[in-house]
Every structure is written in C-alpha cells, then in structure tokens.
Amino acid sequence: MRAGKTSTYRQAIFDALYKAMRDALDVPDDDQFMTITEHEPENFRFGHAFGITRSEDLVYIRITMFDTRTAQQKKTLFKRIAELLGENPGIAAEDIFVNLLESSKENWSVGHGLAQFT
C-alpha cells in the first residue's frame, strides 16, 4: 500500500483480513501471519485496467494458502474482504486488489524445521 496511513488504519486492515479468512476459509484460531509493506508515492504505481477506476488508497493484498479451497470459498473470501475493509478502515471496493497464491501442503513448514502437513 501507499505509505502514510495511520497505525490504526493499518491495524484495521489486519483485523479485517483475519476476520474475512476466518469467515470464508475457516482458518485456525490465531493464524495471523501478516505483514504490511508501504511504498513511497514514487514507488507505487497502478492503473485503471479491467474497467475499474482506482485511487491512491489502493491496497494490494496477497494471500498464500493451501491449494485445498474451492472456487466458491475464494469468491466468498473476496466478497468478505471488500465488505470488511469497506466498513473499517473505509477502503472503497475498487481499491482492493487481491491475489491468492496456492501451494500444496507438503510445501509448508510452520516451525521447528518440520513438515507439519505431510
């Protein structure tokens, strides 16, 4: 996202994303491994592709997850993210750009150097 938003704004993004993932994907309790990367205006570019007019409030959201979710779960997630970010911190739906990266379970180690999901 573009630099300059308040800590409260950034925390609202974290909270909304976590709630959306809990609602749509039933992620485990306290599965909150998230980062926010901010970019100075000269390092932040976007366009109006796909017939969507975006503003400088655009946020790019990348979620890495198991490749076990259905297309319907993903659609539900996209909708829920837009709803919750619209409520707080007030991001317009056209300023929410989501990309899901899927990976099979054997590609994950969440600690101790173990393959927990194989």
C-alpha atoms as a PDB file:
ATOM      1  CA  MET A   1       0.000   0.000   0.000  1.00  0.00           C
ATOM      2  CA  ARG A   2       0.996   3.593  -0.353  1.00  0.00           C
ATOM      3  CA  ALA A   3       2.875   4.972   2.674  1.00  0.00           C
ATOM      4  CA  GLY A   4       1.306   7.473   5.005  1.00  0.00           C
ATOM      5  CA  LYS A   5      -1.656   5.734   6.628  1.00  0.00           C
ATOM      6  CA  THR A   6      -2.013   5.693  10.395  1.00  0.00           C
ATOM      7  CA  SER A   7      -1.258   2.742  12.619  1.00  0.00           C
ATOM      8  CA  THR A   8      -4.988   2.478  13.360  1.00  0.00           C
ATOM      9  CA  TYR A   9      -5.730   2.235   9.625  1.00  0.00           C
ATOM     10  CA  ARG A  10      -3.120  -0.489   9.149  1.00  0.00           C
ATOM     11  CA  GLN A  11      -4.361  -2.449  12.176  1.00  0.00           C
ATOM     12  CA  ALA A  12      -7.912  -2.274  10.778  1.00  0.00           C
ATOM     13  CA  ILE A  13      -6.637  -3.905   7.586  1.00  0.00           C
ATOM     14  CA  PHE A  14      -5.040  -6.719   9.594  1.00  0.00           C
ATOM     15  CA  ASP A  15      -8.243  -7.218  11.602  1.00  0.00           C
ATOM     16  CA  ALA A  16     -10.500  -7.218   8.524  1.00  0.00           C
ATOM     17  CA  LEU A  17      -8.325  -9.686   6.625  1.00  0.00           C
ATOM     18  CA  TYR A  18      -8.125 -12.058   9.553  1.00  0.00           C
ATOM     19  CA  LYS A  19     -11.900 -11.928  10.071  1.00  0.00           C
ATOM     20  CA  ALA A  20     -12.542 -12.469   6.351  1.00  0.00           C
ATOM     21  CA  MET A  21     -10.265 -15.515   6.310  1.00  0.00           C
ATOM     22  CA  ARG A  22     -11.912 -16.892   9.446  1.00  0.00           C
ATOM     23  CA  ASP A  23     -15.378 -16.351   7.949  1.00  0.00           C
ATOM     24  CA  ALA A  24     -14.700 -17.628   4.430  1.00  0.00           C
ATOM     25  CA  LEU A  25     -11.910 -20.169   4.858  1.00  0.00           C
ATOM     26  CA  ASP A  26     -12.259 -21.247   8.481  1.00  0.00           C
ATOM     27  CA  VAL A  27      -8.572 -20.580   9.137  1.00  0.00           C
ATOM     28  CA  PRO A  28      -7.373 -21.750  12.556  1.00  0.00           C
ATOM     29  CA  ASP A  29      -7.720 -19.557  15.602  1.00  0.00           C
ATOM     30  CA  ASP A  30      -4.787 -17.140  15.923  1.00  0.00           C
ATOM     31  CA  ASP A  31      -3.469 -17.946  12.407  1.00  0.00           C
ATOM     32  CA  GLN A  32      -2.349 -14.352  11.926  1.00  0.00           C
ATOM     33  CA  PHE A  33       0.894 -14.308   9.962  1.00  0.00           C
ATOM     34  CA  MET A  34       0.631 -10.985   8.160  1.00  0.00           C
ATOM     35  CA  THR A  35       2.778  -8.093   7.038  1.00  0.00           C
ATOM     36  CA  ILE A  36       2.055  -4.703   5.539  1.00  0.00           C
ATOM     37  CA  THR A  37       4.517  -3.190   3.129  1.00  0.00           C
ATOM     38  CA  GLU A  38       4.297   0.524   2.471  1.00  0.00           C
ATOM     39  CA  HIS A  39       5.684   2.307  -0.569  1.00  0.00           C
ATOM     40  CA  GLU A  40       6.521   5.954  -1.113  1.00  0.00           C
ATOM     41  CA  PRO A  41       4.434   7.591  -3.865  1.00  0.00           C
ATOM     42  CA  GLU A  42       7.289   7.418  -6.392  1.00  0.00           C
ATOM     43  CA  ASN A  43       7.455   3.643  -5.808  1.00  0.00           C
ATOM     44  CA  PHE A  44       3.720   2.963  -6.047  1.00  0.00           C
ATOM     45  CA  ARG A  45       2.026   2.633  -9.412  1.00  0.00           C
ATOM     46  CA  PHE A  46      -1.366   1.408 -10.512  1.00  0.00           C
ATOM     47  CA  GLY A  47      -3.658   1.637 -13.481  1.00  0.00           C
ATOM     48  CA  HIS A  48      -7.317   1.501 -14.268  1.00  0.00           C
ATOM     49  CA  ALA A  49      -7.286  -1.866 -16.033  1.00  0.00           C
ATOM     50  CA  PHE A  50     -10.299  -4.177 -16.035  1.00  0.00           C
ATOM     51  CA  GLY A  51     -12.669  -1.187 -16.210  1.00  0.00           C
ATOM     52  CA  ILE A  52     -12.011  -0.179 -12.601  1.00  0.00           C
ATOM     53  CA  THR A  53     -11.106   3.359 -11.590  1.00  0.00           C
ATOM     54  CA  ARG A  54      -8.779   3.182  -8.605  1.00  0.00           C
ATOM     55  CA  SER A  55      -7.445   5.814  -6.224  1.00  0.00           C
ATOM     56  CA  GLU A  56      -4.246   6.328  -4.265  1.00  0.00           C
ATOM     57  CA  ASP A  57      -5.893   4.337  -1.440  1.00  0.00           C
ATOM     58  CA  LEU A  58      -5.398   1.133  -3.458  1.00  0.00           C
ATOM     59  CA  VAL A  59      -4.179  -1.833  -1.416  1.00  0.00           C
ATOM     60  CA  TYR A  60      -2.613  -4.919  -2.957  1.00  0.00           C
ATOM     61  CA  ILE A  61      -3.389  -7.994  -0.890  1.00  0.00           C
ATOM     62  CA  ARG A  62      -1.549 -11.265  -1.438  1.00  0.00           C
ATOM     63  CA  ILE A  63      -2.685 -14.312   0.491  1.00  0.00           C
ATOM     64  CA  THR A  64      -0.649 -17.515   0.416  1.00  0.00           C
ATOM     65  CA  MET A  65      -2.690 -20.562   1.332  1.00  0.00           C
ATOM     66  CA  PHE A  66      -3.134 -24.289   0.858  1.00  0.00           C
ATOM     67  CA  ASP A  67      -4.420 -25.383  -2.536  1.00  0.00           C
ATOM     68  CA  THR A  68      -7.422 -27.069  -0.933  1.00  0.00           C
ATOM     69  CA  ARG A  69     -10.002 -24.251  -1.122  1.00  0.00           C
ATOM     70  CA  THR A  70     -12.913 -24.338  -3.563  1.00  0.00           C
ATOM     71  CA  ALA A  71     -13.713 -21.646  -6.105  1.00  0.00           C
ATOM     72  CA  GLN A  72     -16.779 -20.750  -4.043  1.00  0.00           C
ATOM     73  CA  GLN A  73     -14.703 -20.296  -0.878  1.00  0.00           C
ATOM     74  CA  LYS A  74     -12.394 -17.955  -2.791  1.00  0.00           C
ATOM     75  CA  LYS A  75     -15.322 -15.917  -4.123  1.00  0.00           C
ATOM     76  CA  THR A  76     -16.722 -15.695  -0.613  1.00  0.00           C
ATOM     77  CA  LEU A  77     -13.328 -14.547   0.654  1.00  0.00           C
ATOM     78  CA  PHE A  78     -13.048 -11.801  -1.985  1.00  0.00           C
ATOM     79  CA  LYS A  79     -16.512 -10.514  -1.151  1.00  0.00           C
ATOM     80  CA  ARG A  80     -15.931 -10.648   2.598  1.00  0.00           C
ATOM     81  CA  ILE A  81     -12.622  -8.784   2.305  1.00  0.00           C
ATOM     82  CA  ALA A  82     -14.319  -5.995   0.340  1.00  0.00           C
ATOM     83  CA  GLU A  83     -17.184  -5.791   2.843  1.00  0.00           C
ATOM     84  CA  LEU A  84     -14.978  -5.668   5.921  1.00  0.00           C
ATOM     85  CA  LEU A  85     -12.372  -3.284   4.520  1.00  0.00           C
ATOM     86  CA  GLY A  86     -15.224  -1.058   3.371  1.00  0.00           C
ATOM     87  CA  GLU A  87     -16.587  -0.944   6.915  1.00  0.00           C
ATOM     88  CA  ASN A  88     -13.234  -0.295   8.563  1.00  0.00           C
ATOM     89  CA  PRO A  89     -10.936   1.425   7.657  1.00  0.00           C
ATOM     90  CA  GLY A  90     -13.233   2.568   4.832  1.00  0.00           C
ATOM     91  CA  ILE A  91     -11.458   1.337   1.703  1.00  0.00           C
ATOM     92  CA  ALA A  92     -13.568   1.527  -1.450  1.00  0.00           C
ATOM     93  CA  ALA A  93     -14.202  -1.813  -3.151  1.00  0.00           C
ATOM     94  CA  GLU A  94     -12.461  -0.622  -6.322  1.00  0.00           C
ATOM     95  CA  ASP A  95      -9.303  -0.012  -4.273  1.00  0.00           C
ATOM     96  CA  ILE A  96      -8.981  -3.628  -3.114  1.00  0.00           C
ATOM     97  CA  PHE A  97      -6.801  -5.819  -5.345  1.00  0.00           C
ATOM     98  CA  VAL A  98      -6.497  -9.407  -4.088  1.00  0.00           C
ATOM     99  CA  ASN A  99      -4.215 -12.152  -5.355  1.00  0.00           C
ATOM    100  CA  LEU A 100      -4.282 -15.694  -3.957  1.00  0.00           C
ATOM    101  CA  LEU A 101      -1.174 -17.844  -4.182  1.00  0.00           C
ATOM    102  CA  GLU A 102      -1.832 -21.520  -3.613  1.00  0.00           C
ATOM    103  CA  SER A 103       0.653 -24.122  -2.503  1.00  0.00           C
ATOM    104  CA  SER A 104       0.313 -27.795  -1.680  1.00  0.00           C
ATOM    105  CA  LYS A 105       0.575 -28.760   1.978  1.00  0.00           C
ATOM    106  CA  GLU A 106       3.901 -30.529   1.608  1.00  0.00           C
ATOM    107  CA  ASN A 107       5.479 -27.163   0.731  1.00  0.00           C
ATOM    108  CA  TRP A 108       4.884 -25.747   4.219  1.00  0.00           C
ATOM    109  CA  SER A 109       6.928 -25.799   7.383  1.00  0.00           C
ATOM    110  CA  VAL A 110       5.493 -23.525  10.056  1.00  0.00           C
ATOM    111  CA  GLY A 111       8.204 -24.031  12.635  1.00  0.00           C
ATOM    112  CA  HIS A 112      10.903 -26.306  14.070  1.00  0.00           C
ATOM    113  CA  GLY A 113      12.029 -27.307  10.566  1.00  0.00           C
ATOM    114  CA  LEU A 114       9.265 -29.907  10.382  1.00  0.00           C
ATOM    115  CA  ALA A 115       6.914 -30.768   7.534  1.00  0.00           C
ATOM    116  CA  GLN A 116       3.779 -30.429   9.631  1.00  0.00           C
ATOM    117  CA  PHE A 117       1.221 -31.093   6.894  1.00  0.00           C
ATOM    118  CA  THR A 118       2.564 -34.131   5.065  1.00  0.00           C
END
